[in-house]
PDB file of N, CA and C in Angstrom:
ATOM      1  N   UNK A   1      -6.963 107.088 -71.727  1.00  0.00           N
ATOM      2  CA  UNK A   1      -5.506 106.466 -72.036  1.00  0.00           C
ATOM      3  C   UNK A   1      -6.332 104.675 -72.193  1.00  0.00           C
ATOM      4  N   UNK A   2      -6.242 104.298 -73.114  1.00  0.00           N
ATOM      5  CA  UNK A   2      -7.001 102.402 -73.647  1.00  0.00           C
ATOM      6  C   UNK A   2      -5.766 101.414 -73.678  1.00  0.00           C
ATOM      7  N   UNK A   3      -5.270 101.060 -72.810  1.00  0.00           N
ATOM      8  CA  UNK A   3      -4.382  99.947 -72.763  1.00  0.00           C
ATOM      9  C   UNK A   3      -4.448  98.572 -73.682  1.00  0.00           C
ATOM     10  N   UNK A   4      -6.213  98.268 -73.881  1.00  0.00           N
ATOM     11  CA  UNK A   4      -6.044  97.215 -74.572  1.00  0.00           C
ATOM     12  C   UNK A   4      -7.143  97.854 -75.742  1.00  0.00           C
ATOM     13  N   UNK A   5      -6.634  98.249 -77.165  1.00  0.00           N
ATOM     14  CA  UNK A   5      -7.482  98.776 -77.869  1.00  0.00           C
ATOM     15  C   UNK A   5      -8.846  97.817 -78.573  1.00  0.00           C
ATOM     16  N   UNK A   6      -9.809  98.462 -78.757  1.00  0.00           N
ATOM     17  CA  UNK A   6     -11.060  97.808 -79.118  1.00  0.00           C
ATOM     18  C   UNK A   6     -11.845  96.952 -78.087  1.00  0.00           C
ATOM     19  N   UNK A   7     -11.416  96.759 -76.554  1.00  0.00           N
ATOM     20  CA  UNK A   7     -12.034  96.394 -75.468  1.00  0.00           C
ATOM     21  C   UNK A   7     -12.602  97.001 -74.671  1.00  0.00           C
ATOM     22  N   UNK A   8     -13.629  96.772 -74.636  1.00  0.00           N
ATOM     23  CA  UNK A   8     -14.992  97.814 -73.812  1.00  0.00           C
ATOM     24  C   UNK A   8     -14.400  97.681 -72.221  1.00  0.00           C
ATOM     25  N   UNK A   9     -14.431  98.702 -71.472  1.00  0.00           N
ATOM     26  CA  UNK A   9     -14.011  98.361 -70.143  1.00  0.00           C
ATOM     27  C   UNK A   9     -14.534  97.513 -69.466  1.00  0.00           C
ATOM     28  N   UNK A  10     -15.614  97.104 -69.083  1.00  0.00           N
ATOM     29  CA  UNK A  10     -15.797  95.595 -68.783  1.00  0.00           C
ATOM     30  C   UNK A  10     -15.477  94.350 -69.175  1.00  0.00           C
ATOM     31  N   UNK A  11     -14.339  94.400 -70.319  1.00  0.00           N
ATOM     32  CA  UNK A  11     -13.845  93.357 -70.540  1.00  0.00           C
ATOM     33  C   UNK A  11     -12.490  93.207 -70.292  1.00  0.00           C
ATOM     34  N   UNK A  12     -11.709  94.727 -69.873  1.00  0.00           N
ATOM     35  CA  UNK A  12     -10.448  95.102 -69.312  1.00  0.00           C
ATOM     36  C   UNK A  12     -10.540  94.857 -68.006  1.00  0.00           C
ATOM     37  N   UNK A  13     -11.460  94.594 -67.172  1.00  0.00           N
ATOM     38  CA  UNK A  13     -11.451  93.982 -65.858  1.00  0.00           C
ATOM     39  C   UNK A  13     -12.588  93.190 -64.770  1.00  0.00           C
ATOM     40  N   UNK A  14     -11.850  92.118 -64.732  1.00  0.00           N
ATOM     41  CA  UNK A  14     -12.818  91.128 -64.044  1.00  0.00           C
ATOM     42  C   UNK A  14     -12.328  91.539 -62.004  1.00  0.00           C
ATOM     43  N   UNK A  15     -13.398  91.373 -61.897  1.00  0.00           N
ATOM     44  CA  UNK A  15     -13.453  91.213 -60.417  1.00  0.00           C
ATOM     45  C   UNK A  15     -14.170  90.299 -59.869  1.00  0.00           C
ATOM     46  N   UNK A  16     -13.758  89.490 -58.722  1.00  0.00           N
ATOM     47  CA  UNK A  16     -14.844  88.555 -58.040  1.00  0.00           C
ATOM     48  C   UNK A  16     -14.120  88.313 -56.565  1.00  0.00           C
ATOM     49  N   UNK A  17     -15.226  88.025 -56.094  1.00  0.00           N
ATOM     50  CA  UNK A  17     -15.206  88.215 -54.185  1.00  0.00           C
ATOM     51  C   UNK A  17     -15.235  86.676 -53.549  1.00  0.00           C
ATOM     52  N   UNK A  18     -14.364  86.129 -52.786  1.00  0.00           N
ATOM     53  CA  UNK A  18     -14.673  84.746 -51.876  1.00  0.00           C
ATOM     54  C   UNK A  18     -14.539  85.376 -50.488  1.00  0.00           C
ATOM     55  N   UNK A  19     -15.642  84.814 -49.663  1.00  0.00           N
ATOM     56  CA  UNK A  19     -15.569  85.205 -48.370  1.00  0.00           C
ATOM     57  C   UNK A  19     -15.560  84.013 -47.436  1.00  0.00           C
ATOM     58  N   UNK A  20     -14.328  83.968 -46.313  1.00  0.00           N
ATOM     59  CA  UNK A  20     -14.295  82.979 -45.653  1.00  0.00           C
ATOM     60  C   UNK A  20     -14.080  83.413 -44.308  1.00  0.00           C
ATOM     61  N   UNK A  21     -14.596  83.165 -43.284  1.00  0.00           N
ATOM     62  CA  UNK A  21     -14.617  83.080 -41.993  1.00  0.00           C
ATOM     63  C   UNK A  21     -14.754  84.572 -41.682  1.00  0.00           C
ATOM     64  N   UNK A  22     -15.430  85.486 -41.895  1.00  0.00           N
ATOM     65  CA  UNK A  22     -15.213  87.010 -42.152  1.00  0.00           C
ATOM     66  C   UNK A  22     -14.183  87.633 -42.644  1.00  0.00           C
ATOM     67  N   UNK A  23     -13.810  87.037 -43.424  1.00  0.00           N
ATOM     68  CA  UNK A  23     -12.342  87.552 -44.572  1.00  0.00           C
ATOM     69  C   UNK A  23     -13.081  87.173 -45.808  1.00  0.00           C
ATOM     70  N   UNK A  24     -12.888  88.749 -46.677  1.00  0.00           N
ATOM     71  CA  UNK A  24     -12.963  88.478 -48.098  1.00  0.00           C
ATOM     72  C   UNK A  24     -12.217  88.839 -48.908  1.00  0.00           C
ATOM     73  N   UNK A  25     -11.698  87.980 -49.957  1.00  0.00           N
ATOM     74  CA  UNK A  25     -10.808  88.165 -50.741  1.00  0.00           C
ATOM     75  C   UNK A  25     -11.474  88.874 -51.967  1.00  0.00           C
ATOM     76  N   UNK A  26     -11.210  90.169 -52.567  1.00  0.00           N
ATOM     77  CA  UNK A  26     -11.347  90.605 -53.707  1.00  0.00           C
ATOM     78  C   UNK A  26     -10.286  90.421 -54.912  1.00  0.00           C
ATOM     79  N   UNK A  27     -10.620  89.733 -55.465  1.00  0.00           N
ATOM     80  CA  UNK A  27      -9.713  89.094 -56.448  1.00  0.00           C
ATOM     81  C   UNK A  27      -9.692  90.128 -57.903  1.00  0.00           C
ATOM     82  N   UNK A  28      -8.763  90.881 -58.135  1.00  0.00           N
ATOM     83  CA  UNK A  28      -8.780  91.705 -59.268  1.00  0.00           C
ATOM     84  C   UNK A  28      -8.167  91.475 -60.535  1.00  0.00           C
ATOM     85  N   UNK A  29      -8.935  91.414 -61.691  1.00  0.00           N
ATOM     86  CA  UNK A  29      -7.782  90.860 -62.826  1.00  0.00           C
ATOM     87  C   UNK A  29      -8.145  91.964 -64.174  1.00  0.00           C
ATOM     88  N   UNK A  30      -6.775  92.578 -64.578  1.00  0.00           N
ATOM     89  CA  UNK A  30      -7.000  93.560 -65.692  1.00  0.00           C
ATOM     90  C   UNK A  30      -6.612  94.738 -65.245  1.00  0.00           C
ATOM     91  N   UNK A  31      -7.119  96.002 -65.975  1.00  0.00           N
ATOM     92  CA  UNK A  31      -6.238  97.441 -66.022  1.00  0.00           C
ATOM     93  C   UNK A  31      -7.625  97.829 -65.127  1.00  0.00           C
ATOM     94  N   UNK A  32      -6.891  99.028 -63.925  1.00  0.00           N
ATOM     95  CA  UNK A  32      -7.959 100.142 -63.455  1.00  0.00           C
ATOM     96  C   UNK A  32      -7.238 101.336 -64.127  1.00  0.00           C
ATOM     97  N   UNK A  33      -8.593 101.934 -64.696  1.00  0.00           N
ATOM     98  CA  UNK A  33      -8.392 103.064 -64.883  1.00  0.00           C
ATOM     99  C   UNK A  33      -9.970 104.034 -65.035  1.00  0.00           C
ATOM    100  N   UNK A  34      -9.682 105.376 -65.446  1.00  0.00           N
ATOM    101  CA  UNK A  34     -10.697 106.133 -65.296  1.00  0.00           C
ATOM    102  C   UNK A  34     -12.372 105.298 -65.922  1.00  0.00           C
ATOM    103  N   UNK A  35     -12.373 104.548 -66.562  1.00  0.00           N
ATOM    104  CA  UNK A  35     -13.320 103.836 -66.842  1.00  0.00           C
ATOM    105  C   UNK A  35     -13.577 102.537 -66.370  1.00  0.00           C
ATOM    106  N   UNK A  36     -12.410 101.979 -66.057  1.00  0.00           N
ATOM    107  CA  UNK A  36     -13.104 100.584 -65.176  1.00  0.00           C
ATOM    108  C   UNK A  36     -13.125 100.657 -63.550  1.00  0.00           C
ATOM    109  N   UNK A  37     -12.575 101.847 -62.866  1.00  0.00           N
ATOM    110  CA  UNK A  37     -12.486 102.333 -61.363  1.00  0.00           C
ATOM    111  C   UNK A  37     -13.864 102.260 -60.635  1.00  0.00           C
ATOM    112  N   UNK A  38     -14.645 102.731 -61.171  1.00  0.00           N
ATOM    113  CA  UNK A  38     -15.843 102.589 -60.822  1.00  0.00           C
ATOM    114  C   UNK A  38     -16.461 101.015 -60.538  1.00  0.00           C
ATOM    115  N   UNK A  39     -16.270 100.528 -61.340  1.00  0.00           N
ATOM    116  CA  UNK A  39     -16.747  99.113 -61.010  1.00  0.00           C
ATOM    117  C   UNK A  39     -15.816  98.606 -59.686  1.00  0.00           C
ATOM    118  N   UNK A  40     -14.462  98.601 -59.967  1.00  0.00           N
ATOM    119  CA  UNK A  40     -13.946  98.224 -58.820  1.00  0.00           C
ATOM    120  C   UNK A  40     -14.563  98.733 -57.258  1.00  0.00           C
ATOM    121  N   UNK A  41     -14.891 100.230 -57.283  1.00  0.00           N
ATOM    122  CA  UNK A  41     -15.370 100.682 -56.320  1.00  0.00           C
ATOM    123  C   UNK A  41     -16.989  99.615 -55.397  1.00  0.00           C
ATOM    124  N   UNK A  42     -17.390  99.633 -56.629  1.00  0.00           N
ATOM    125  CA  UNK A  42     -19.108  99.090 -56.726  1.00  0.00           C
ATOM    126  C   UNK A  42     -18.624  97.678 -56.004  1.00  0.00           C
ATOM    127  N   UNK A  43     -17.557  96.982 -56.248  1.00  0.00           N
ATOM    128  CA  UNK A  43     -17.205  95.856 -55.582  1.00  0.00           C
ATOM    129  C   UNK A  43     -16.582  95.608 -54.439  1.00  0.00           C
ATOM    130  N   UNK A  44     -15.851  96.577 -54.080  1.00  0.00           N
ATOM    131  CA  UNK A  44     -15.323  96.621 -52.965  1.00  0.00           C
ATOM    132  C   UNK A  44     -16.352  97.040 -51.956  1.00  0.00           C
ATOM    133  N   UNK A  45     -17.579  98.016 -52.457  1.00  0.00           N
ATOM    134  CA  UNK A  45     -18.069  98.276 -51.446  1.00  0.00           C
ATOM    135  C   UNK A  45     -19.291  97.530 -51.153  1.00  0.00           C
ATOM    136  N   UNK A  46     -19.458  96.410 -52.081  1.00  0.00           N
ATOM    137  CA  UNK A  46     -20.402  95.356 -51.488  1.00  0.00           C
ATOM    138  C   UNK A  46     -19.676  94.329 -50.497  1.00  0.00           C
ATOM    139  N   UNK A  47     -18.361  94.075 -51.055  1.00  0.00           N
ATOM    140  CA  UNK A  47     -17.373  93.296 -50.013  1.00  0.00           C
ATOM    141  C   UNK A  47     -17.456  93.885 -48.857  1.00  0.00           C
ATOM    142  N   UNK A  48     -17.482  95.326 -48.323  1.00  0.00           N
ATOM    143  CA  UNK A  48     -17.565  95.537 -47.110  1.00  0.00           C
ATOM    144  C   UNK A  48     -18.835  95.574 -46.327  1.00  0.00           C
ATOM    145  N   UNK A  49     -19.690  95.475 -47.291  1.00  0.00           N
ATOM    146  CA  UNK A  49     -21.271  95.473 -46.440  1.00  0.00           C
ATOM    147  C   UNK A  49     -21.573  94.018 -46.146  1.00  0.00           C
ATOM    148  N   UNK A  50     -20.835  93.467 -47.241  1.00  0.00           N
ATOM    149  CA  UNK A  50     -21.047  91.868 -46.670  1.00  0.00           C
ATOM    150  C   UNK A  50     -21.136  91.332 -45.005  1.00  0.00           C
ATOM    151  N   UNK A  51     -20.439  92.433 -44.453  1.00  0.00           N
ATOM    152  CA  UNK A  51     -20.281  91.855 -43.079  1.00  0.00           C
ATOM    153  C   UNK A  51     -19.033  91.429 -42.966  1.00  0.00           C
ATOM    154  N   UNK A  52     -17.601  91.272 -44.061  1.00  0.00           N
ATOM    155  CA  UNK A  52     -16.361  90.970 -43.700  1.00  0.00           C
ATOM    156  C   UNK A  52     -15.999  91.762 -42.644  1.00  0.00           C
ATOM    157  N   UNK A  53     -15.192  91.176 -41.463  1.00  0.00           N
ATOM    158  CA  UNK A  53     -14.239  92.351 -40.568  1.00  0.00           C
ATOM    159  C   UNK A  53     -12.637  92.316 -41.325  1.00  0.00           C
ATOM    160  N   UNK A  54     -12.873  91.594 -42.278  1.00  0.00           N
ATOM    161  CA  UNK A  54     -11.061  91.994 -43.225  1.00  0.00           C
ATOM    162  C   UNK A  54     -11.611  91.923 -44.568  1.00  0.00           C
ATOM    163  N   UNK A  55     -11.109  93.027 -45.365  1.00  0.00           N
ATOM    164  CA  UNK A  55     -11.377  93.013 -46.818  1.00  0.00           C
ATOM    165  C   UNK A  55      -9.643  93.450 -47.498  1.00  0.00           C
ATOM    166  N   UNK A  56      -9.561  91.791 -48.186  1.00  0.00           N
ATOM    167  CA  UNK A  56      -7.908  91.724 -48.606  1.00  0.00           C
ATOM    168  C   UNK A  56      -8.080  92.081 -50.171  1.00  0.00           C
ATOM    169  N   UNK A  57      -7.572  92.954 -50.812  1.00  0.00           N
ATOM    170  CA  UNK A  57      -7.827  93.141 -52.405  1.00  0.00           C
ATOM    171  C   UNK A  57      -6.339  92.362 -52.851  1.00  0.00           C
ATOM    172  N   UNK A  58      -6.711  91.441 -53.809  1.00  0.00           N
ATOM    173  CA  UNK A  58      -5.551  90.919 -54.686  1.00  0.00           C
ATOM    174  C   UNK A  58      -5.189  91.167 -55.500  1.00  0.00           C
ATOM    175  N   UNK A  59      -4.207  92.015 -55.850  1.00  0.00           N
ATOM    176  CA  UNK A  59      -3.647  92.638 -57.219  1.00  0.00           C
ATOM    177  C   UNK A  59      -2.505  92.022 -57.849  1.00  0.00           C
ATOM    178  N   UNK A  60      -2.554  90.798 -57.451  1.00  0.00           N
ATOM    179  CA  UNK A  60      -1.504  90.196 -57.913  1.00  0.00           C
ATOM    180  C   UNK A  60      -1.407  89.967 -59.581  1.00  0.00           C
ATOM    181  N   UNK A  61      -2.769  90.189 -60.217  1.00  0.00           N
ATOM    182  CA  UNK A  61      -3.232  90.029 -61.633  1.00  0.00           C
ATOM    183  C   UNK A  61      -3.660  91.648 -61.942  1.00  0.00           C
ATOM    184  N   UNK A  62      -3.089  92.659 -61.712  1.00  0.00           N
ATOM    185  CA  UNK A  62      -3.654  94.132 -62.466  1.00  0.00           C
ATOM    186  C   UNK A  62      -1.994  94.060 -62.752  1.00  0.00           C
ATOM    187  N   UNK A  63      -2.586  94.620 -64.155  1.00  0.00           N
ATOM    188  CA  UNK A  63      -1.243  94.875 -65.039  1.00  0.00           C
ATOM    189  C   UNK A  63      -1.004  96.820 -65.017  1.00  0.00           C
ATOM    190  N   UNK A  64      -2.166  97.328 -64.670  1.00  0.00           N
ATOM    191  CA  UNK A  64      -2.332  98.891 -64.659  1.00  0.00           C
ATOM    192  C   UNK A  64      -3.178  99.295 -63.526  1.00  0.00           C
ATOM    193  N   UNK A  65      -2.658 100.560 -63.057  1.00  0.00           N
ATOM    194  CA  UNK A  65      -3.864 101.084 -62.205  1.00  0.00           C
ATOM    195  C   UNK A  65      -3.528 102.237 -62.129  1.00  0.00           C
ATOM    196  N   UNK A  66      -4.342 103.422 -62.108  1.00  0.00           N
ATOM    197  CA  UNK A  66      -3.740 104.727 -62.443  1.00  0.00           C
ATOM    198  C   UNK A  66      -4.539 105.959 -61.379  1.00  0.00           C
ATOM    199  N   UNK A  67      -4.610 106.826 -61.272  1.00  0.00           N
ATOM    200  CA  UNK A  67      -4.960 107.713 -60.172  1.00  0.00           C
ATOM    201  C   UNK A  67      -6.538 107.333 -59.821  1.00  0.00           C
ATOM    202  N   UNK A  68      -7.186 106.953 -60.740  1.00  0.00           N
ATOM    203  CA  UNK A  68      -8.251 106.727 -60.360  1.00  0.00           C
ATOM    204  C   UNK A  68      -8.754 105.363 -59.392  1.00  0.00           C
ATOM    205  N   UNK A  69      -7.948 104.663 -59.758  1.00  0.00           N
ATOM    206  CA  UNK A  69      -7.864 103.209 -59.117  1.00  0.00           C
ATOM    207  C   UNK A  69      -7.398 103.630 -57.922  1.00  0.00           C
ATOM    208  N   UNK A  70      -6.209 104.014 -57.895  1.00  0.00           N
ATOM    209  CA  UNK A  70      -5.811 104.260 -56.409  1.00  0.00           C
ATOM    210  C   UNK A  70      -6.721 104.975 -55.272  1.00  0.00           C
ATOM    211  N   UNK A  71      -7.435 106.166 -56.213  1.00  0.00           N
ATOM    212  CA  UNK A  71      -8.549 106.773 -54.775  1.00  0.00           C
ATOM    213  C   UNK A  71      -9.648 105.580 -54.775  1.00  0.00           C
ATOM    214  N   UNK A  72      -9.966 105.174 -55.355  1.00  0.00           N
ATOM    215  CA  UNK A  72     -10.745 104.231 -55.389  1.00  0.00           C
ATOM    216  C   UNK A  72     -10.299 103.141 -54.026  1.00  0.00           C
ATOM    217  N   UNK A  73      -9.142 102.697 -54.226  1.00  0.00           N
ATOM    218  CA  UNK A  73      -8.110 101.635 -53.062  1.00  0.00           C
ATOM    219  C   UNK A  73      -8.446 102.443 -51.863  1.00  0.00           C
ATOM    220  N   UNK A  74      -7.667 104.066 -51.724  1.00  0.00           N
ATOM    221  CA  UNK A  74      -7.852 104.925 -50.563  1.00  0.00           C
ATOM    222  C   UNK A  74      -8.956 105.158 -49.860  1.00  0.00           C
ATOM    223  N   UNK A  75     -10.217 105.151 -50.970  1.00  0.00           N
ATOM    224  CA  UNK A  75     -11.434 105.491 -50.226  1.00  0.00           C
ATOM    225  C   UNK A  75     -12.016 104.593 -49.419  1.00  0.00           C
ATOM    226  N   UNK A  76     -12.240 103.084 -50.189  1.00  0.00           N
ATOM    227  CA  UNK A  76     -12.323 101.899 -49.605  1.00  0.00           C
ATOM    228  C   UNK A  76     -11.705 101.610 -48.421  1.00  0.00           C
ATOM    229  N   UNK A  77     -10.151 102.049 -48.201  1.00  0.00           N
ATOM    230  CA  UNK A  77      -9.781 101.683 -46.909  1.00  0.00           C
ATOM    231  C   UNK A  77     -10.313 102.974 -45.864  1.00  0.00           C
ATOM    232  N   UNK A  78     -10.797 103.965 -46.275  1.00  0.00           N
ATOM    233  CA  UNK A  78     -11.038 104.985 -45.483  1.00  0.00           C
ATOM    234  C   UNK A  78     -12.503 104.561 -45.090  1.00  0.00           C
ATOM    235  N   UNK A  79     -13.493 104.334 -46.125  1.00  0.00           N
ATOM    236  CA  UNK A  79     -14.547 103.267 -45.182  1.00  0.00           C
ATOM    237  C   UNK A  79     -14.480 102.105 -44.406  1.00  0.00           C
ATOM    238  N   UNK A  80     -13.578 101.327 -44.758  1.00  0.00           N
ATOM    239  CA  UNK A  80     -13.321 100.109 -44.119  1.00  0.00           C
ATOM    240  C   UNK A  80     -12.827 100.633 -42.671  1.00  0.00           C
ATOM    241  N   UNK A  81     -12.241 101.527 -42.219  1.00  0.00           N
ATOM    242  CA  UNK A  81     -11.549 102.279 -40.792  1.00  0.00           C
ATOM    243  C   UNK A  81     -12.548 102.534 -40.123  1.00  0.00           C
ATOM    244  N   UNK A  82     -13.532 103.404 -40.905  1.00  0.00           N
ATOM    245  CA  UNK A  82     -14.626 103.809 -40.232  1.00  0.00           C
ATOM    246  C   UNK A  82     -15.708 102.763 -39.132  1.00  0.00           C
ATOM    247  N   UNK A  83     -15.881 101.542 -40.286  1.00  0.00           N
ATOM    248  CA  UNK A  83     -16.630 100.591 -39.578  1.00  0.00           C
ATOM    249  C   UNK A  83     -15.881  99.515 -39.116  1.00  0.00           C
ATOM    250  N   UNK A  84     -14.339  99.966 -38.506  1.00  0.00           N
ATOM    251  CA  UNK A  84     -13.683  98.830 -37.851  1.00  0.00           C
ATOM    252  C   UNK A  84     -13.299  97.219 -38.812  1.00  0.00           C
ATOM    253  N   UNK A  85     -13.225  97.672 -39.702  1.00  0.00           N
ATOM    254  CA  UNK A  85     -13.175  96.670 -41.023  1.00  0.00           C
ATOM    255  C   UNK A  85     -11.285  96.639 -41.006  1.00  0.00           C
ATOM    256  N   UNK A  86     -10.577  95.593 -41.450  1.00  0.00           N
ATOM    257  CA  UNK A  86      -9.393  95.583 -41.896  1.00  0.00           C
ATOM    258  C   UNK A  86      -9.246  95.449 -43.349  1.00  0.00           C
ATOM    259  N   UNK A  87      -8.372  96.667 -43.903  1.00  0.00           N
ATOM    260  CA  UNK A  87      -8.456  96.617 -45.393  1.00  0.00           C
ATOM    261  C   UNK A  87      -6.884  96.173 -46.131  1.00  0.00           C
ATOM    262  N   UNK A  88      -6.549  95.894 -46.755  1.00  0.00           N
ATOM    263  CA  UNK A  88      -5.166  95.529 -47.535  1.00  0.00           C
ATOM    264  C   UNK A  88      -5.088  95.220 -48.895  1.00  0.00           C
ATOM    265  N   UNK A  89      -4.232  95.696 -49.495  1.00  0.00           N
ATOM    266  CA  UNK A  89      -4.216  95.079 -50.925  1.00  0.00           C
ATOM    267  C   UNK A  89      -3.016  94.203 -50.835  1.00  0.00           C
ATOM    268  N   UNK A  90      -3.026  93.213 -51.629  1.00  0.00           N
ATOM    269  CA  UNK A  90      -1.751  91.852 -51.460  1.00  0.00           C
ATOM    270  C   UNK A  90      -1.514  91.976 -52.875  1.00  0.00           C
ATOM    271  N   UNK A  91      -0.061  91.278 -53.231  1.00  0.00           N
ATOM    272  CA  UNK A  91       0.367  91.301 -54.204  1.00  0.00           C
ATOM    273  C   UNK A  91       1.242  89.793 -54.539  1.00  0.00           C
ATOM    274  N   UNK A  92       2.259  89.657 -55.535  1.00  0.00           N
ATOM    275  CA  UNK A  92       2.881  90.497 -55.954  1.00  0.00           C
ATOM    276  C   UNK A  92       2.434  91.730 -56.499  1.00  0.00           C
ATOM    277  N   UNK A  93       2.364  93.228 -56.791  1.00  0.00           N
ATOM    278  CA  UNK A  93       2.007  94.156 -57.720  1.00  0.00           C
ATOM    279  C   UNK A  93       2.865  94.016 -58.766  1.00  0.00           C
ATOM    280  N   UNK A  94       2.532  94.662 -60.111  1.00  0.00           N
ATOM    281  CA  UNK A  94       3.286  95.073 -60.968  1.00  0.00           C
ATOM    282  C   UNK A  94       4.067  95.946 -60.812  1.00  0.00           C
ATOM    283  N   UNK A  95       5.277  96.101 -61.692  1.00  0.00           N
ATOM    284  CA  UNK A  95       5.981  97.261 -61.603  1.00  0.00           C
ATOM    285  C   UNK A  95       5.337  98.445 -61.400  1.00  0.00           C
ATOM    286  N   UNK A  96       4.555  98.880 -62.498  1.00  0.00           N
ATOM    287  CA  UNK A  96       3.583 100.405 -62.394  1.00  0.00           C
ATOM    288  C   UNK A  96       3.015 100.486 -61.217  1.00  0.00           C
ATOM    289  N   UNK A  97       2.024  99.219 -61.078  1.00  0.00           N
ATOM    290  CA  UNK A  97       1.570  99.633 -59.396  1.00  0.00           C
ATOM    291  C   UNK A  97       2.100 100.202 -58.497  1.00  0.00           C
ATOM    292  N   UNK A  98       3.353  99.378 -58.374  1.00  0.00           N
ATOM    293  CA  UNK A  98       4.283  99.620 -57.648  1.00  0.00           C
ATOM    294  C   UNK A  98       4.635 100.859 -57.203  1.00  0.00           C
ATOM    295  N   UNK A  99       5.051 101.457 -58.552  1.00  0.00           N
ATOM    296  CA  UNK A  99       5.826 102.458 -59.032  1.00  0.00           C
ATOM    297  C   UNK A  99       4.426 103.386 -58.548  1.00  0.00           C
ATOM    298  N   UNK A 100       3.424 103.657 -58.833  1.00  0.00           N
ATOM    299  CA  UNK A 100       2.155 104.506 -58.465  1.00  0.00           C
ATOM    300  C   UNK A 100       2.002 104.661 -56.777  1.00  0.00           C
ATOM    301  N   UNK A 101       2.136 103.140 -56.278  1.00  0.00           N
ATOM    302  CA  UNK A 101       1.829 103.556 -55.065  1.00  0.00           C
ATOM    303  C   UNK A 101       3.079 104.317 -54.157  1.00  0.00           C
ATOM    304  N   UNK A 102       4.273 103.881 -54.748  1.00  0.00           N
ATOM    305  CA  UNK A 102       5.515 104.609 -54.120  1.00  0.00           C
ATOM    306  C   UNK A 102       5.209 105.959 -54.335  1.00  0.00           C
ATOM    307  N   UNK A 103       5.113 106.266 -55.402  1.00  0.00           N
ATOM    308  CA  UNK A 103       5.036 107.886 -56.026  1.00  0.00           C
ATOM    309  C   UNK A 103       3.915 108.468 -54.830  1.00  0.00           C
ATOM    310  N   UNK A 104       2.790 107.579 -55.009  1.00  0.00           N
ATOM    311  CA  UNK A 104       1.867 108.733 -54.159  1.00  0.00           C
ATOM    312  C   UNK A 104       1.992 108.382 -52.594  1.00  0.00           C
ATOM    313  N   UNK A 105       3.255 107.842 -52.074  1.00  0.00           N
ATOM    314  CA  UNK A 105       3.330 107.457 -50.828  1.00  0.00           C
ATOM    315  C   UNK A 105       2.385 106.799 -49.888  1.00  0.00           C
ATOM    316  N   UNK A 106       1.322 105.694 -50.929  1.00  0.00           N
ATOM    317  CA  UNK A 106       0.787 104.865 -50.420  1.00  0.00           C
ATOM    318  C   UNK A 106       0.760 103.556 -49.971  1.00  0.00           C
ATOM    319  N   UNK A 107       1.970 102.945 -50.340  1.00  0.00           N
ATOM    320  CA  UNK A 107       2.434 101.809 -50.315  1.00  0.00           C
ATOM    321  C   UNK A 107       2.206 100.984 -48.867  1.00  0.00           C
ATOM    322  N   UNK A 108       2.859 101.826 -47.746  1.00  0.00           N
ATOM    323  CA  UNK A 108       2.969 101.456 -46.356  1.00  0.00           C
ATOM    324  C   UNK A 108       0.960 101.289 -46.025  1.00  0.00           C
ATOM    325  N   UNK A 109       0.525 102.449 -46.456  1.00  0.00           N
ATOM    326  CA  UNK A 109      -0.941 102.444 -46.143  1.00  0.00           C
ATOM    327  C   UNK A 109      -1.770 101.151 -47.059  1.00  0.00           C
ATOM    328  N   UNK A 110      -1.188 100.650 -47.957  1.00  0.00           N
ATOM    329  CA  UNK A 110      -2.337  99.720 -49.119  1.00  0.00           C
ATOM    330  C   UNK A 110      -1.848  98.736 -48.622  1.00  0.00           C
ATOM    331  N   UNK A 111      -0.508  98.251 -48.994  1.00  0.00           N
ATOM    332  CA  UNK A 111       0.226  96.960 -49.091  1.00  0.00           C
ATOM    333  C   UNK A 111       0.529  96.007 -47.770  1.00  0.00           C
ATOM    334  N   UNK A 112       0.196  94.641 -47.668  1.00  0.00           N
ATOM    335  CA  UNK A 112       0.645  93.917 -46.995  1.00  0.00           C
ATOM    336  C   UNK A 112       1.912  93.532 -47.111  1.00  0.00           C
ATOM    337  N   UNK A 113       2.440  93.201 -46.113  1.00  0.00           N
ATOM    338  CA  UNK A 113       3.954  92.542 -46.070  1.00  0.00           C
ATOM    339  C   UNK A 113       3.993  91.112 -46.646  1.00  0.00           C
ATOM    340  N   UNK A 114       4.279  90.982 -47.725  1.00  0.00           N
ATOM    341  CA  UNK A 114       4.383  89.298 -48.295  1.00  0.00           C
ATOM    342  C   UNK A 114       4.981  88.337 -47.379  1.00  0.00           C
ATOM    343  N   UNK A 115       5.659  88.811 -46.387  1.00  0.00           N
ATOM    344  CA  UNK A 115       6.081  87.698 -45.510  1.00  0.00           C
ATOM    345  C   UNK A 115       5.068  87.486 -44.446  1.00  0.00           C
ATOM    346  N   UNK A 116       4.063  88.477 -44.102  1.00  0.00           N
ATOM    347  CA  UNK A 116       3.242  87.849 -43.097  1.00  0.00           C
ATOM    348  C   UNK A 116       2.107  86.840 -43.704  1.00  0.00           C
TER     349      UNK A 116
END
């Protein structure tokens, strides 16, 4: 499924990281699906291996995420847990993303409270 006709996967997803005082924020912009999820996984792995004590994934500019993207987030969370690194997804997330998280019953595992 391609939501941006004519665009290659690398054009549909941008990922950048900013590290400050042991916390790395991974900012994700675009769509995450089976074609782009690997890129996100690589960038999350790099953030974890950078020595961060906490990895926060900013999903506020993600318009779509499918099961492949969800699997990448869950794998990154498990990897972080094994290393004693905090992991969360921040938003606000798009309605389609929130629905996926809710239907998969992963919202409590992944999403950080916006009041925090």
